[in-house]
Amino acid sequence: MAGGQDHVGRPRAPMPDDIGAWAPALTPVGAFRLVPVRVERDLPLLVRWMNDPAVAAFWELAGPAAVTERHVRAQLDCDGHSVPCLGVLDGTPMSYWEIYRADLDPLARHYPARPDDTGVHLLIGGPADRGRGLGGILIRAVADLVLDHRPACTRVVAEPDVRNTPSVAAFLTAGFRFAAEAELPGKRAALMIRDRSLRALL
């Protein structure tokens, strides 16, 4: 699909960046990069992650491969304003990310969105990578990549389920602030914001 309008009638604009060309972020746990998803290559790994009970509790995509494939293809077909990616740490895929134009997303109906607000969804794939602080480190790295490569973006935003306390805590560790609670379809979300203007302070 191409063209169309956003939720308030403005022309849709795609993410203007080639995320796959972004250089890796050097983090305390290794080199981390975002690699845009290719369904034919990545679907089996994503299906395995989505069927992990800890992931399924919040993503609600457990089931046969067609469930995950339908979700990922919807991201790929949404006029370019969302980019699904694998998070690759030292060469190993270990997380899934959606980098999206929050100002063009239905989320913008639920908070005072600004032009070029960029949103982040994520999951940590394997149980061995959870519970050891990786989330906060990698969220900070991804937010920094967004701010480095999208100069028009003044804020990175996220909306984890308020029940997902490890996720909320990881965003706080990554320099996001809790802005509000928002009633979204299917969940009550914690609106988290990382401001470019406070980047050096948090």
N, C-alpha and C. Protein backbone atom coordinates (compact mmCIF):
# COMPACT_ATOMS: atom_id res chain seq x y z
N MET A 1 0.84 -1.17 0.00
CA MET A 1 0.00 0.00 0.00
C MET A 1 0.89 1.24 0.00
N ALA A 2 0.36 2.33 -0.50
CA ALA A 2 1.09 3.59 -0.49
C ALA A 2 0.09 4.71 -0.39
N GLY A 3 0.58 5.89 0.04
CA GLY A 3 -0.30 7.05 0.11
C GLY A 3 -1.24 6.95 1.28
N GLY A 4 -2.41 7.59 1.15
CA GLY A 4 -3.38 7.58 2.22
C GLY A 4 -3.18 8.75 3.16
N GLN A 5 -3.94 8.73 4.26
CA GLN A 5 -3.87 9.82 5.22
C GLN A 5 -3.76 9.26 6.62
N ASP A 6 -3.28 10.10 7.54
CA ASP A 6 -3.18 9.68 8.91
C ASP A 6 -4.51 9.88 9.62
N HIS A 7 -4.50 9.72 10.96
CA HIS A 7 -5.76 9.73 11.73
C HIS A 7 -6.43 11.09 11.77
N VAL A 8 -5.72 12.17 11.42
CA VAL A 8 -6.36 13.49 11.39
C VAL A 8 -6.41 14.06 9.98
N GLY A 9 -6.23 13.21 8.98
CA GLY A 9 -6.43 13.64 7.61
C GLY A 9 -5.21 14.20 6.91
N ARG A 10 -4.03 14.16 7.56
CA ARG A 10 -2.83 14.62 6.89
C ARG A 10 -2.30 13.52 5.98
N PRO A 11 -1.59 13.88 4.88
CA PRO A 11 -1.00 12.84 4.06
C PRO A 11 -0.02 12.00 4.87
N ARG A 12 -0.07 10.71 4.66
CA ARG A 12 0.88 9.83 5.34
C ARG A 12 2.27 10.03 4.74
N ALA A 13 3.27 9.91 5.61
CA ALA A 13 4.65 9.98 5.15
C ALA A 13 5.40 8.79 5.74
N PRO A 14 6.22 8.12 4.97
CA PRO A 14 6.92 6.96 5.48
C PRO A 14 8.06 7.37 6.42
N MET A 15 8.56 6.40 7.18
CA MET A 15 9.81 6.64 7.89
C MET A 15 10.86 6.97 6.84
N PRO A 16 11.54 8.10 6.94
CA PRO A 16 12.41 8.53 5.85
C PRO A 16 13.79 7.92 5.89
N ASP A 17 14.04 7.01 6.79
CA ASP A 17 15.39 6.53 6.99
C ASP A 17 15.51 5.07 6.58
N ASP A 18 16.70 4.68 6.15
CA ASP A 18 17.00 3.29 5.88
C ASP A 18 17.58 2.69 7.15
N ILE A 19 16.72 2.17 8.00
CA ILE A 19 17.17 1.67 9.30
C ILE A 19 18.24 0.60 9.14
N GLY A 20 18.13 -0.21 8.10
CA GLY A 20 19.12 -1.25 7.88
C GLY A 20 20.52 -0.72 7.64
N ALA A 21 20.64 0.55 7.27
CA ALA A 21 21.96 1.15 7.02
C ALA A 21 22.53 1.83 8.27
N TRP A 22 21.75 1.90 9.35
CA TRP A 22 22.27 2.53 10.57
C TRP A 22 23.43 1.70 11.11
N ALA A 23 24.47 2.37 11.53
CA ALA A 23 25.62 1.68 12.11
C ALA A 23 25.23 1.04 13.43
N PRO A 24 25.92 -0.02 13.83
CA PRO A 24 25.62 -0.63 15.14
C PRO A 24 25.86 0.36 16.27
N ALA A 25 25.08 0.19 17.33
CA ALA A 25 25.30 0.94 18.56
C ALA A 25 26.24 0.14 19.45
N LEU A 26 27.26 0.79 19.96
CA LEU A 26 28.18 0.12 20.87
C LEU A 26 27.65 0.28 22.28
N THR A 27 27.30 -0.82 22.92
CA THR A 27 26.69 -0.80 24.24
C THR A 27 27.60 -1.54 25.23
N PRO A 28 27.32 -1.42 26.53
CA PRO A 28 28.12 -2.16 27.52
C PRO A 28 28.03 -3.67 27.36
N VAL A 29 27.03 -4.16 26.62
CA VAL A 29 26.87 -5.61 26.47
C VAL A 29 27.25 -6.09 25.07
N GLY A 30 27.74 -5.20 24.21
CA GLY A 30 28.16 -5.60 22.88
C GLY A 30 27.61 -4.69 21.80
N ALA A 31 27.94 -5.02 20.57
CA ALA A 31 27.47 -4.24 19.42
C ALA A 31 26.05 -4.65 19.08
N PHE A 32 25.17 -3.66 18.98
CA PHE A 32 23.75 -3.92 18.76
C PHE A 32 23.30 -3.19 17.51
N ARG A 33 22.56 -3.90 16.66
CA ARG A 33 22.02 -3.24 15.47
C ARG A 33 20.60 -3.71 15.19
N LEU A 34 19.88 -2.86 14.47
CA LEU A 34 18.53 -3.18 14.01
C LEU A 34 18.61 -3.66 12.58
N VAL A 35 18.01 -4.80 12.31
CA VAL A 35 18.00 -5.39 10.97
C VAL A 35 16.54 -5.54 10.54
N PRO A 36 16.10 -4.80 9.52
CA PRO A 36 14.70 -4.93 9.09
C PRO A 36 14.31 -6.38 8.82
N VAL A 37 13.12 -6.73 9.25
CA VAL A 37 12.63 -8.11 9.12
C VAL A 37 12.41 -8.46 7.66
N ARG A 38 12.79 -9.69 7.31
CA ARG A 38 12.37 -10.32 6.06
C ARG A 38 11.57 -11.55 6.46
N VAL A 39 10.30 -11.56 6.09
CA VAL A 39 9.39 -12.59 6.57
C VAL A 39 9.92 -13.98 6.23
N GLU A 40 10.37 -14.18 5.01
CA GLU A 40 10.79 -15.51 4.57
C GLU A 40 11.97 -16.01 5.40
N ARG A 41 12.81 -15.12 5.85
CA ARG A 41 13.99 -15.50 6.64
C ARG A 41 13.69 -15.60 8.13
N ASP A 42 12.86 -14.69 8.64
CA ASP A 42 12.77 -14.48 10.08
C ASP A 42 11.52 -15.05 10.74
N LEU A 43 10.53 -15.47 9.95
CA LEU A 43 9.26 -15.88 10.54
C LEU A 43 9.40 -17.02 11.56
N PRO A 44 10.17 -18.09 11.29
CA PRO A 44 10.24 -19.17 12.29
C PRO A 44 10.75 -18.69 13.65
N LEU A 45 11.73 -17.81 13.65
CA LEU A 45 12.25 -17.27 14.91
C LEU A 45 11.19 -16.43 15.62
N LEU A 46 10.51 -15.58 14.87
CA LEU A 46 9.48 -14.73 15.48
C LEU A 46 8.33 -15.56 16.03
N VAL A 47 7.94 -16.61 15.33
CA VAL A 47 6.85 -17.48 15.81
C VAL A 47 7.26 -18.14 17.12
N ARG A 48 8.50 -18.59 17.22
CA ARG A 48 8.97 -19.20 18.46
C ARG A 48 8.89 -18.20 19.61
N TRP A 49 9.34 -16.97 19.37
CA TRP A 49 9.28 -15.96 20.43
C TRP A 49 7.84 -15.64 20.81
N MET A 50 6.97 -15.47 19.82
CA MET A 50 5.59 -15.10 20.12
C MET A 50 4.84 -16.18 20.88
N ASN A 51 5.31 -17.41 20.80
CA ASN A 51 4.67 -18.50 21.51
C ASN A 51 5.28 -18.77 22.88
N ASP A 52 6.26 -17.98 23.27
CA ASP A 52 6.76 -18.03 24.64
C ASP A 52 5.70 -17.39 25.54
N PRO A 53 5.27 -18.07 26.60
CA PRO A 53 4.19 -17.52 27.43
C PRO A 53 4.46 -16.12 27.95
N ALA A 54 5.71 -15.80 28.28
CA ALA A 54 6.02 -14.47 28.81
C ALA A 54 5.80 -13.38 27.77
N VAL A 55 6.06 -13.72 26.51
CA VAL A 55 5.82 -12.77 25.41
C VAL A 55 4.34 -12.75 25.05
N ALA A 56 3.73 -13.92 24.95
CA ALA A 56 2.33 -14.03 24.53
C ALA A 56 1.39 -13.29 25.46
N ALA A 57 1.76 -13.17 26.74
CA ALA A 57 0.89 -12.51 27.71
C ALA A 57 0.62 -11.05 27.33
N PHE A 58 1.57 -10.43 26.62
CA PHE A 58 1.40 -9.02 26.27
C PHE A 58 1.27 -8.77 24.77
N TRP A 59 1.89 -9.61 23.94
CA TRP A 59 1.77 -9.42 22.49
C TRP A 59 0.54 -10.12 21.91
N GLU A 60 0.06 -11.17 22.56
CA GLU A 60 -1.16 -11.88 22.17
C GLU A 60 -1.10 -12.36 20.72
N LEU A 61 0.05 -12.91 20.33
CA LEU A 61 0.24 -13.43 18.97
C LEU A 61 0.64 -14.90 18.99
N ALA A 62 0.36 -15.59 20.08
CA ALA A 62 0.65 -17.02 20.14
C ALA A 62 -0.25 -17.77 19.16
N GLY A 63 0.23 -18.92 18.71
CA GLY A 63 -0.55 -19.73 17.78
C GLY A 63 0.26 -20.11 16.58
N PRO A 64 -0.39 -20.53 15.51
CA PRO A 64 0.33 -20.96 14.31
C PRO A 64 1.07 -19.80 13.65
N ALA A 65 1.96 -20.17 12.74
CA ALA A 65 2.81 -19.18 12.08
C ALA A 65 1.98 -18.09 11.39
N ALA A 66 0.80 -18.45 10.91
CA ALA A 66 -0.01 -17.47 10.17
C ALA A 66 -0.39 -16.27 11.05
N VAL A 67 -0.50 -16.46 12.37
CA VAL A 67 -0.87 -15.36 13.27
C VAL A 67 0.24 -14.32 13.29
N THR A 68 1.48 -14.78 13.51
CA THR A 68 2.62 -13.86 13.52
C THR A 68 2.85 -13.27 12.14
N GLU A 69 2.73 -14.08 11.11
CA GLU A 69 2.96 -13.57 9.76
C GLU A 69 1.98 -12.46 9.41
N ARG A 70 0.72 -12.63 9.79
CA ARG A 70 -0.27 -11.60 9.51
C ARG A 70 0.10 -10.28 10.20
N HIS A 71 0.55 -10.38 11.44
CA HIS A 71 0.94 -9.17 12.18
C HIS A 71 2.15 -8.49 11.53
N VAL A 72 3.16 -9.26 11.20
CA VAL A 72 4.39 -8.67 10.64
C VAL A 72 4.12 -8.08 9.26
N ARG A 73 3.35 -8.78 8.45
CA ARG A 73 3.05 -8.24 7.11
C ARG A 73 2.23 -6.96 7.22
N ALA A 74 1.39 -6.85 8.24
CA ALA A 74 0.64 -5.60 8.42
C ALA A 74 1.60 -4.45 8.71
N GLN A 75 2.66 -4.73 9.47
CA GLN A 75 3.67 -3.69 9.71
C GLN A 75 4.38 -3.32 8.41
N LEU A 76 4.72 -4.31 7.63
CA LEU A 76 5.44 -4.07 6.38
C LEU A 76 4.58 -3.35 5.34
N ASP A 77 3.26 -3.50 5.44
CA ASP A 77 2.35 -2.95 4.44
C ASP A 77 1.67 -1.66 4.89
N CYS A 78 2.16 -1.03 5.98
CA CYS A 78 1.43 0.11 6.54
C CYS A 78 1.98 1.43 6.02
N ASP A 79 2.15 1.56 4.72
CA ASP A 79 2.58 2.81 4.09
C ASP A 79 3.96 3.25 4.54
N GLY A 80 4.73 2.33 5.08
CA GLY A 80 6.10 2.67 5.44
C GLY A 80 6.26 3.41 6.74
N HIS A 81 5.17 3.59 7.52
CA HIS A 81 5.37 4.35 8.75
C HIS A 81 5.69 3.48 9.96
N SER A 82 5.87 2.16 9.75
CA SER A 82 6.37 1.27 10.79
C SER A 82 7.39 0.33 10.16
N VAL A 83 8.50 0.12 10.86
CA VAL A 83 9.55 -0.76 10.35
C VAL A 83 9.80 -1.85 11.39
N PRO A 84 9.40 -3.10 11.10
CA PRO A 84 9.70 -4.20 12.02
C PRO A 84 11.14 -4.65 11.85
N CYS A 85 11.83 -4.88 12.95
CA CYS A 85 13.26 -5.20 12.91
C CYS A 85 13.60 -6.31 13.91
N LEU A 86 14.63 -7.06 13.57
CA LEU A 86 15.29 -7.89 14.56
C LEU A 86 16.33 -7.06 15.27
N GLY A 87 16.46 -7.25 16.58
CA GLY A 87 17.57 -6.67 17.32
C GLY A 87 18.66 -7.72 17.40
N VAL A 88 19.83 -7.38 16.88
CA VAL A 88 20.93 -8.33 16.76
C VAL A 88 22.07 -7.87 17.66
N LEU A 89 22.41 -8.69 18.64
CA LEU A 89 23.45 -8.36 19.61
C LEU A 89 24.67 -9.24 19.35
N ASP A 90 25.78 -8.58 19.00
CA ASP A 90 27.01 -9.31 18.67
C ASP A 90 26.74 -10.44 17.67
N GLY A 91 25.92 -10.12 16.66
CA GLY A 91 25.67 -11.06 15.57
C GLY A 91 24.54 -12.04 15.80
N THR A 92 23.92 -12.02 16.99
CA THR A 92 22.87 -12.99 17.31
C THR A 92 21.52 -12.28 17.43
N PRO A 93 20.53 -12.66 16.63
CA PRO A 93 19.19 -12.09 16.80
C PRO A 93 18.61 -12.48 18.15
N MET A 94 18.18 -11.48 18.94
CA MET A 94 17.71 -11.79 20.29
C MET A 94 16.51 -10.96 20.71
N SER A 95 15.99 -10.11 19.81
CA SER A 95 14.84 -9.28 20.17
C SER A 95 14.12 -8.83 18.90
N TYR A 96 12.89 -8.38 19.09
CA TYR A 96 12.07 -7.89 17.99
C TYR A 96 11.63 -6.48 18.32
N TRP A 97 11.70 -5.58 17.33
CA TRP A 97 11.40 -4.16 17.51
C TRP A 97 10.50 -3.68 16.39
N GLU A 98 9.62 -2.76 16.72
CA GLU A 98 8.86 -2.02 15.71
C GLU A 98 9.14 -0.54 15.95
N ILE A 99 9.75 0.10 14.96
CA ILE A 99 10.06 1.53 15.01
C ILE A 99 9.02 2.21 14.13
N TYR A 100 8.23 3.12 14.69
CA TYR A 100 7.08 3.62 13.94
C TYR A 100 6.86 5.11 14.18
N ARG A 101 6.18 5.73 13.22
CA ARG A 101 5.78 7.13 13.35
C ARG A 101 4.59 7.21 14.29
N ALA A 102 4.84 7.57 15.54
CA ALA A 102 3.77 7.62 16.52
C ALA A 102 2.74 8.69 16.18
N ASP A 103 3.18 9.76 15.50
CA ASP A 103 2.23 10.82 15.14
C ASP A 103 1.29 10.40 14.03
N LEU A 104 1.60 9.31 13.33
CA LEU A 104 0.73 8.79 12.27
C LEU A 104 -0.01 7.52 12.71
N ASP A 105 0.16 7.15 13.95
CA ASP A 105 -0.39 5.92 14.49
C ASP A 105 -1.66 6.22 15.29
N PRO A 106 -2.57 5.26 15.43
CA PRO A 106 -3.73 5.48 16.29
C PRO A 106 -3.37 5.93 17.71
N LEU A 107 -2.15 5.60 18.16
CA LEU A 107 -1.71 6.08 19.47
C LEU A 107 -1.86 7.59 19.60
N ALA A 108 -1.69 8.32 18.51
CA ALA A 108 -1.71 9.79 18.56
C ALA A 108 -3.07 10.34 18.99
N ARG A 109 -4.11 9.51 18.95
CA ARG A 109 -5.42 9.94 19.45
C ARG A 109 -5.45 10.02 20.97
N HIS A 110 -4.46 9.42 21.62
CA HIS A 110 -4.51 9.24 23.07
C HIS A 110 -3.48 10.09 23.83
N TYR A 111 -2.73 10.92 23.12
CA TYR A 111 -1.80 11.82 23.80
C TYR A 111 -1.52 12.99 22.86
N PRO A 112 -0.99 14.11 23.35
CA PRO A 112 -0.72 15.26 22.49
C PRO A 112 0.51 15.03 21.62
N ALA A 113 0.32 14.34 20.52
CA ALA A 113 1.44 13.96 19.65
C ALA A 113 2.05 15.19 18.97
N ARG A 114 3.34 15.09 18.71
CA ARG A 114 4.05 16.11 17.96
C ARG A 114 4.48 15.51 16.62
N PRO A 115 4.65 16.34 15.58
CA PRO A 115 5.14 15.82 14.30
C PRO A 115 6.47 15.10 14.49
N ASP A 116 6.56 13.92 13.84
CA ASP A 116 7.77 13.10 13.84
C ASP A 116 8.06 12.42 15.17
N ASP A 117 7.12 12.43 16.13
CA ASP A 117 7.28 11.55 17.28
C ASP A 117 7.51 10.13 16.75
N THR A 118 8.47 9.46 17.34
CA THR A 118 8.82 8.11 16.89
C THR A 118 8.57 7.13 18.02
N GLY A 119 7.81 6.08 17.73
CA GLY A 119 7.45 5.10 18.73
C GLY A 119 8.28 3.84 18.65
N VAL A 120 8.31 3.11 19.76
CA VAL A 120 9.08 1.88 19.87
C VAL A 120 8.23 0.81 20.55
N HIS A 121 8.11 -0.34 19.89
CA HIS A 121 7.60 -1.56 20.52
C HIS A 121 8.76 -2.55 20.55
N LEU A 122 8.82 -3.40 21.56
CA LEU A 122 9.88 -4.41 21.57
C LEU A 122 9.51 -5.60 22.40
N LEU A 123 10.21 -6.68 22.14
CA LEU A 123 10.20 -7.85 23.01
C LEU A 123 11.60 -8.44 23.02
N ILE A 124 11.98 -8.99 24.16
CA ILE A 124 13.22 -9.74 24.28
C ILE A 124 12.88 -11.19 24.03
N GLY A 125 13.55 -11.83 23.08
CA GLY A 125 13.11 -13.12 22.59
C GLY A 125 13.31 -14.30 23.53
N GLY A 126 14.53 -14.49 24.00
CA GLY A 126 14.82 -15.70 24.77
C GLY A 126 14.80 -15.49 26.26
N PRO A 127 14.33 -16.47 27.03
CA PRO A 127 14.30 -16.33 28.49
C PRO A 127 15.66 -16.01 29.09
N ALA A 128 16.73 -16.51 28.50
CA ALA A 128 18.06 -16.27 29.05
C ALA A 128 18.48 -14.81 28.96
N ASP A 129 17.82 -14.05 28.07
CA ASP A 129 18.17 -12.64 27.90
C ASP A 129 17.29 -11.71 28.74
N ARG A 130 16.35 -12.28 29.47
CA ARG A 130 15.45 -11.46 30.28
C ARG A 130 15.91 -11.43 31.74
N GLY A 131 15.54 -10.36 32.43
CA GLY A 131 15.81 -10.29 33.85
C GLY A 131 17.24 -9.98 34.21
N ARG A 132 18.05 -9.52 33.26
CA ARG A 132 19.45 -9.18 33.59
C ARG A 132 19.85 -7.79 33.10
N GLY A 133 18.84 -6.94 32.90
CA GLY A 133 19.14 -5.55 32.60
C GLY A 133 19.35 -5.21 31.15
N LEU A 134 19.21 -6.19 30.25
CA LEU A 134 19.44 -5.91 28.83
C LEU A 134 18.41 -4.94 28.28
N GLY A 135 17.17 -5.05 28.75
CA GLY A 135 16.10 -4.22 28.19
C GLY A 135 16.43 -2.74 28.26
N GLY A 136 16.79 -2.26 29.44
CA GLY A 136 17.10 -0.85 29.59
C GLY A 136 18.27 -0.40 28.73
N ILE A 137 19.31 -1.24 28.67
CA ILE A 137 20.48 -0.90 27.85
C ILE A 137 20.12 -0.79 26.38
N LEU A 138 19.35 -1.75 25.89
CA LEU A 138 19.03 -1.78 24.46
C LEU A 138 17.99 -0.73 24.10
N ILE A 139 17.03 -0.47 24.98
CA ILE A 139 16.06 0.61 24.71
C ILE A 139 16.79 1.94 24.60
N ARG A 140 17.73 2.19 25.50
CA ARG A 140 18.50 3.43 25.42
C ARG A 140 19.26 3.49 24.09
N ALA A 141 19.86 2.37 23.70
CA ALA A 141 20.62 2.35 22.45
C ALA A 141 19.72 2.65 21.25
N VAL A 142 18.53 2.05 21.22
CA VAL A 142 17.62 2.27 20.10
C VAL A 142 17.10 3.71 20.10
N ALA A 143 16.75 4.24 21.28
CA ALA A 143 16.31 5.63 21.34
C ALA A 143 17.41 6.57 20.85
N ASP A 144 18.65 6.29 21.22
CA ASP A 144 19.76 7.12 20.74
C ASP A 144 19.92 7.00 19.22
N LEU A 145 19.77 5.79 18.68
CA LEU A 145 19.84 5.63 17.22
C LEU A 145 18.76 6.46 16.53
N VAL A 146 17.54 6.41 17.06
CA VAL A 146 16.45 7.19 16.48
C VAL A 146 16.78 8.68 16.51
N LEU A 147 17.22 9.18 17.65
CA LEU A 147 17.52 10.60 17.77
C LEU A 147 18.71 11.01 16.91
N ASP A 148 19.68 10.10 16.73
CA ASP A 148 20.83 10.39 15.88
C ASP A 148 20.45 10.47 14.41
N HIS A 149 19.52 9.61 13.99
CA HIS A 149 19.23 9.47 12.56
C HIS A 149 17.95 10.16 12.12
N ARG A 150 17.15 10.65 13.07
CA ARG A 150 15.91 11.33 12.72
C ARG A 150 15.93 12.72 13.36
N PRO A 151 16.64 13.67 12.76
CA PRO A 151 16.81 14.99 13.39
C PRO A 151 15.50 15.73 13.63
N ALA A 152 14.45 15.44 12.87
CA ALA A 152 13.17 16.11 13.08
C ALA A 152 12.41 15.55 14.28
N CYS A 153 12.84 14.42 14.78
CA CYS A 153 12.17 13.78 15.91
C CYS A 153 12.64 14.41 17.22
N THR A 154 11.72 14.98 17.98
CA THR A 154 12.08 15.58 19.26
C THR A 154 11.81 14.65 20.44
N ARG A 155 11.05 13.56 20.20
CA ARG A 155 10.71 12.64 21.29
C ARG A 155 10.60 11.22 20.76
N VAL A 156 11.06 10.29 21.57
CA VAL A 156 10.81 8.87 21.34
C VAL A 156 9.77 8.44 22.38
N VAL A 157 8.75 7.73 21.95
CA VAL A 157 7.65 7.37 22.84
C VAL A 157 7.43 5.87 22.85
N ALA A 158 6.79 5.39 23.90
CA ALA A 158 6.44 3.97 24.01
C ALA A 158 5.19 3.87 24.86
N GLU A 159 4.50 2.73 24.73
CA GLU A 159 3.26 2.55 25.50
C GLU A 159 3.12 1.11 25.97
N PRO A 160 4.06 0.67 26.85
CA PRO A 160 3.93 -0.69 27.38
C PRO A 160 2.69 -0.83 28.26
N ASP A 161 2.21 -2.05 28.34
CA ASP A 161 1.09 -2.35 29.24
C ASP A 161 1.49 -2.00 30.67
N VAL A 162 0.62 -1.32 31.40
CA VAL A 162 0.95 -0.94 32.77
C VAL A 162 1.22 -2.16 33.65
N ARG A 163 0.68 -3.32 33.27
CA ARG A 163 0.92 -4.54 34.06
C ARG A 163 2.31 -5.10 33.84
N ASN A 164 2.95 -4.66 32.75
CA ASN A 164 4.27 -5.20 32.40
C ASN A 164 5.34 -4.38 33.12
N THR A 165 5.44 -4.59 34.42
CA THR A 165 6.34 -3.77 35.22
C THR A 165 7.81 -3.89 34.81
N PRO A 166 8.31 -5.06 34.37
CA PRO A 166 9.70 -5.08 33.91
C PRO A 166 9.93 -4.19 32.70
N SER A 167 8.94 -4.12 31.79
CA SER A 167 9.09 -3.27 30.62
C SER A 167 9.07 -1.80 31.01
N VAL A 168 8.12 -1.41 31.87
CA VAL A 168 8.06 -0.02 32.32
C VAL A 168 9.37 0.36 33.01
N ALA A 169 9.88 -0.52 33.85
CA ALA A 169 11.13 -0.25 34.55
C ALA A 169 12.29 -0.10 33.57
N ALA A 170 12.30 -0.92 32.50
CA ALA A 170 13.38 -0.82 31.51
C ALA A 170 13.34 0.52 30.79
N PHE A 171 12.15 1.01 30.47
CA PHE A 171 12.06 2.33 29.83
C PHE A 171 12.54 3.43 30.77
N LEU A 172 12.19 3.34 32.04
CA LEU A 172 12.67 4.33 33.00
C LEU A 172 14.19 4.30 33.09
N THR A 173 14.76 3.11 33.13
CA THR A 173 16.22 2.97 33.17
C THR A 173 16.87 3.57 31.94
N ALA A 174 16.16 3.52 30.80
CA ALA A 174 16.70 4.01 29.53
C ALA A 174 16.53 5.51 29.35
N GLY A 175 16.05 6.22 30.38
CA GLY A 175 15.94 7.66 30.30
C GLY A 175 14.59 8.18 29.87
N PHE A 176 13.60 7.29 29.80
CA PHE A 176 12.23 7.72 29.51
C PHE A 176 11.58 8.18 30.82
N ARG A 177 10.56 9.01 30.68
CA ARG A 177 9.77 9.42 31.83
C ARG A 177 8.35 8.91 31.65
N PHE A 178 7.70 8.61 32.75
CA PHE A 178 6.29 8.23 32.72
C PHE A 178 5.47 9.50 32.56
N ALA A 179 4.67 9.59 31.49
CA ALA A 179 3.90 10.80 31.21
C ALA A 179 2.44 10.69 31.63
N ALA A 180 1.84 9.51 31.43
CA ALA A 180 0.42 9.34 31.72
C ALA A 180 0.04 7.88 31.53
N GLU A 181 -1.16 7.53 31.96
CA GLU A 181 -1.76 6.27 31.58
C GLU A 181 -2.76 6.54 30.46
N ALA A 182 -2.85 5.61 29.53
CA ALA A 182 -3.75 5.78 28.39
C ALA A 182 -4.52 4.49 28.17
N GLU A 183 -5.81 4.62 27.92
CA GLU A 183 -6.66 3.47 27.63
C GLU A 183 -6.60 3.21 26.14
N LEU A 184 -5.87 2.17 25.74
CA LEU A 184 -5.71 1.81 24.34
C LEU A 184 -6.53 0.55 24.05
N PRO A 185 -6.80 0.27 22.79
CA PRO A 185 -7.51 -0.97 22.47
C PRO A 185 -6.76 -2.18 23.02
N GLY A 186 -7.39 -2.91 23.90
CA GLY A 186 -6.80 -4.14 24.42
C GLY A 186 -5.90 -3.98 25.62
N LYS A 187 -5.59 -2.75 26.05
CA LYS A 187 -4.71 -2.62 27.22
C LYS A 187 -4.79 -1.22 27.80
N ARG A 188 -4.40 -1.12 29.07
CA ARG A 188 -4.14 0.16 29.70
C ARG A 188 -2.63 0.35 29.65
N ALA A 189 -2.20 1.43 29.02
CA ALA A 189 -0.79 1.61 28.72
C ALA A 189 -0.16 2.69 29.59
N ALA A 190 1.12 2.52 29.83
CA ALA A 190 1.93 3.57 30.44
C ALA A 190 2.61 4.33 29.30
N LEU A 191 2.25 5.60 29.14
CA LEU A 191 2.88 6.41 28.10
C LEU A 191 4.24 6.86 28.60
N MET A 192 5.29 6.42 27.90
CA MET A 192 6.67 6.72 28.27
C MET A 192 7.26 7.62 27.19
N ILE A 193 8.00 8.64 27.60
CA ILE A 193 8.55 9.61 26.65
C ILE A 193 10.02 9.86 26.98
N ARG A 194 10.85 9.86 25.95
CA ARG A 194 12.23 10.31 26.09
C ARG A 194 12.42 11.55 25.23
N ASP A 195 12.72 12.66 25.87
CA ASP A 195 12.82 13.95 25.20
C ASP A 195 14.24 14.18 24.70
N ARG A 196 14.36 14.61 23.44
CA ARG A 196 15.68 14.95 22.92
C ARG A 196 16.34 16.02 23.79
N SER A 197 15.56 17.00 24.24
CA SER A 197 16.14 18.12 24.99
C SER A 197 16.76 17.69 26.31
N LEU A 198 16.35 16.52 26.84
CA LEU A 198 16.88 16.04 28.11
C LEU A 198 17.88 14.90 27.91
N ARG A 199 18.24 14.66 26.65
CA ARG A 199 19.06 13.48 26.34
C ARG A 199 20.35 13.45 27.12
N ALA A 200 21.01 14.57 27.25
CA ALA A 200 22.31 14.59 27.93
C ALA A 200 22.20 14.46 29.44
N LEU A 201 20.99 14.62 29.97
CA LEU A 201 20.80 14.63 31.41
C LEU A 201 20.34 13.30 31.96
N LEU A 202 19.79 12.42 31.10
CA LEU A 202 19.18 11.17 31.58
C LEU A 202 19.90 9.95 31.03
